Amino acid sequence: GSFGLTNPDMPVLIVILNALMAFGLYAFLSRPAEPAVFMNLFLMTLVVKMLFAVGFMVVLAFLSPEHLEGNVVFSFICYLLFTFLETVILFRAKKQA
């Protein structure tokens, strides 16, 4: 009934890791680059970030199998939110540059 959010046992770790990943990629991508180079780097970092997120979810499954559903659902929601925020902020910053 609650979409798997009843029992994530590592929410702080999940939020901190997603925030660090987003801020790190923002710092990397906010360096000056030509538009074509920027777009290639942006797409590449999305793929790397997605692979890392899937790997992190697999690690969560092994660390805490009894909270698998809650951790994975919460982790995926955080991944989507931080990716959306990172993308919006990055494109606004690039548009102003």
Protein backbone atom coordinates (compact mmCIF):
# COMPACT_ATOMS: atom_id res chain seq x y z
CA GLY A 1 0.00 0.00 0.00
CA SER A 2 2.77 2.54 0.63
CA PHE A 3 4.81 1.96 -2.54
CA GLY A 4 7.76 0.42 -0.68
CA LEU A 5 8.58 3.50 1.39
CA THR A 6 7.66 1.88 4.68
CA ASN A 7 11.12 0.76 5.70
CA PRO A 8 14.20 2.22 4.03
CA ASP A 9 16.83 1.68 6.73
CA MET A 10 19.55 3.85 5.14
CA PRO A 11 17.78 7.05 4.00
CA VAL A 12 20.53 9.41 5.19
CA LEU A 13 23.24 7.44 3.36
CA ILE A 14 21.11 7.34 0.22
CA VAL A 15 20.43 11.09 0.24
CA ILE A 16 24.06 11.99 1.02
CA LEU A 17 25.42 9.73 -1.72
CA ASN A 18 22.97 11.10 -4.30
CA ALA A 19 23.76 14.69 -3.26
CA LEU A 20 27.52 14.13 -3.47
CA MET A 21 27.14 12.51 -6.87
CA ALA A 22 24.98 15.38 -8.17
CA PHE A 23 27.24 18.12 -6.82
CA GLY A 24 30.36 16.38 -8.12
CA LEU A 25 28.93 15.97 -11.60
CA TYR A 26 27.67 19.57 -11.54
CA ALA A 27 31.17 20.80 -10.67
CA PHE A 28 32.64 18.66 -13.45
CA LEU A 29 30.11 19.75 -16.06
CA SER A 30 29.98 23.44 -15.15
CA ARG A 31 33.48 23.99 -16.52
CA PRO A 32 33.53 25.92 -19.78
CA ALA A 33 33.12 23.74 -22.84
CA GLU A 34 31.80 24.12 -26.35
CA PRO A 35 28.12 23.12 -26.69
CA ALA A 36 28.81 19.87 -28.57
CA VAL A 37 31.50 18.82 -26.08
CA PHE A 38 29.25 19.76 -23.16
CA MET A 39 26.35 17.70 -24.51
CA ASN A 40 28.57 14.64 -25.03
CA LEU A 41 29.98 14.97 -21.50
CA PHE A 42 26.51 15.48 -20.07
CA LEU A 43 25.13 12.35 -21.73
CA MET A 44 28.19 10.35 -20.70
CA THR A 45 27.82 11.42 -17.05
CA LEU A 46 24.13 10.43 -17.11
CA VAL A 47 25.09 6.92 -18.21
CA VAL A 48 27.87 6.68 -15.60
CA LYS A 49 25.54 8.01 -12.90
CA MET A 50 22.84 5.50 -13.86
CA LEU A 51 25.29 2.59 -13.76
CA PHE A 52 26.59 3.74 -10.39
CA ALA A 53 23.03 4.05 -9.06
CA VAL A 54 22.17 0.51 -10.18
CA GLY A 55 25.39 -0.77 -8.61
CA PHE A 56 24.57 1.07 -5.39
CA MET A 57 21.11 -0.52 -5.33
CA VAL A 58 22.68 -3.95 -5.73
CA VAL A 59 25.02 -3.20 -2.81
CA LEU A 60 22.01 -2.08 -0.74
CA ALA A 61 20.32 -5.38 -1.56
CA PHE A 62 23.27 -7.32 -0.15
CA LEU A 63 23.78 -5.06 2.88
CA SER A 64 20.17 -5.05 3.96
CA PRO A 65 18.04 -7.67 2.20
CA GLU A 66 15.24 -7.31 4.76
CA HIS A 67 14.77 -3.66 3.70
CA LEU A 68 15.34 -4.27 0.00
CA GLU A 69 12.11 -2.79 -1.32
CA GLY A 70 12.23 0.35 0.83
CA ASN A 71 15.91 1.05 0.14
CA VAL A 72 15.67 0.50 -3.61
CA VAL A 73 12.48 2.52 -4.06
CA PHE A 74 13.80 5.38 -1.91
CA SER A 75 17.17 5.27 -3.68
CA PHE A 76 15.51 5.38 -7.11
CA ILE A 77 13.28 8.31 -6.12
CA CYS A 78 16.32 10.22 -4.81
CA TYR A 79 18.23 9.39 -8.00
CA LEU A 80 15.42 10.80 -10.15
CA LEU A 81 15.00 13.93 -8.03
CA PHE A 82 18.70 14.74 -7.85
CA THR A 83 19.18 14.04 -11.57
CA PHE A 84 16.27 16.34 -12.40
CA LEU A 85 17.59 19.13 -10.15
CA GLU A 86 21.12 18.72 -11.45
CA THR A 87 19.91 18.92 -15.05
CA VAL A 88 17.73 21.99 -14.49
CA ILE A 89 20.40 23.88 -12.56
CA LEU A 90 23.14 22.93 -15.01
CA PHE A 91 21.20 23.97 -18.10
CA ARG A 92 20.15 27.25 -16.48
CA ALA A 93 23.78 27.99 -15.59
CA LYS A 94 24.92 27.11 -19.13
CA LYS A 95 22.18 29.26 -20.64
CA GLN A 96 23.32 32.28 -18.60
CA ALA A 97 27.00 31.77 -19.51
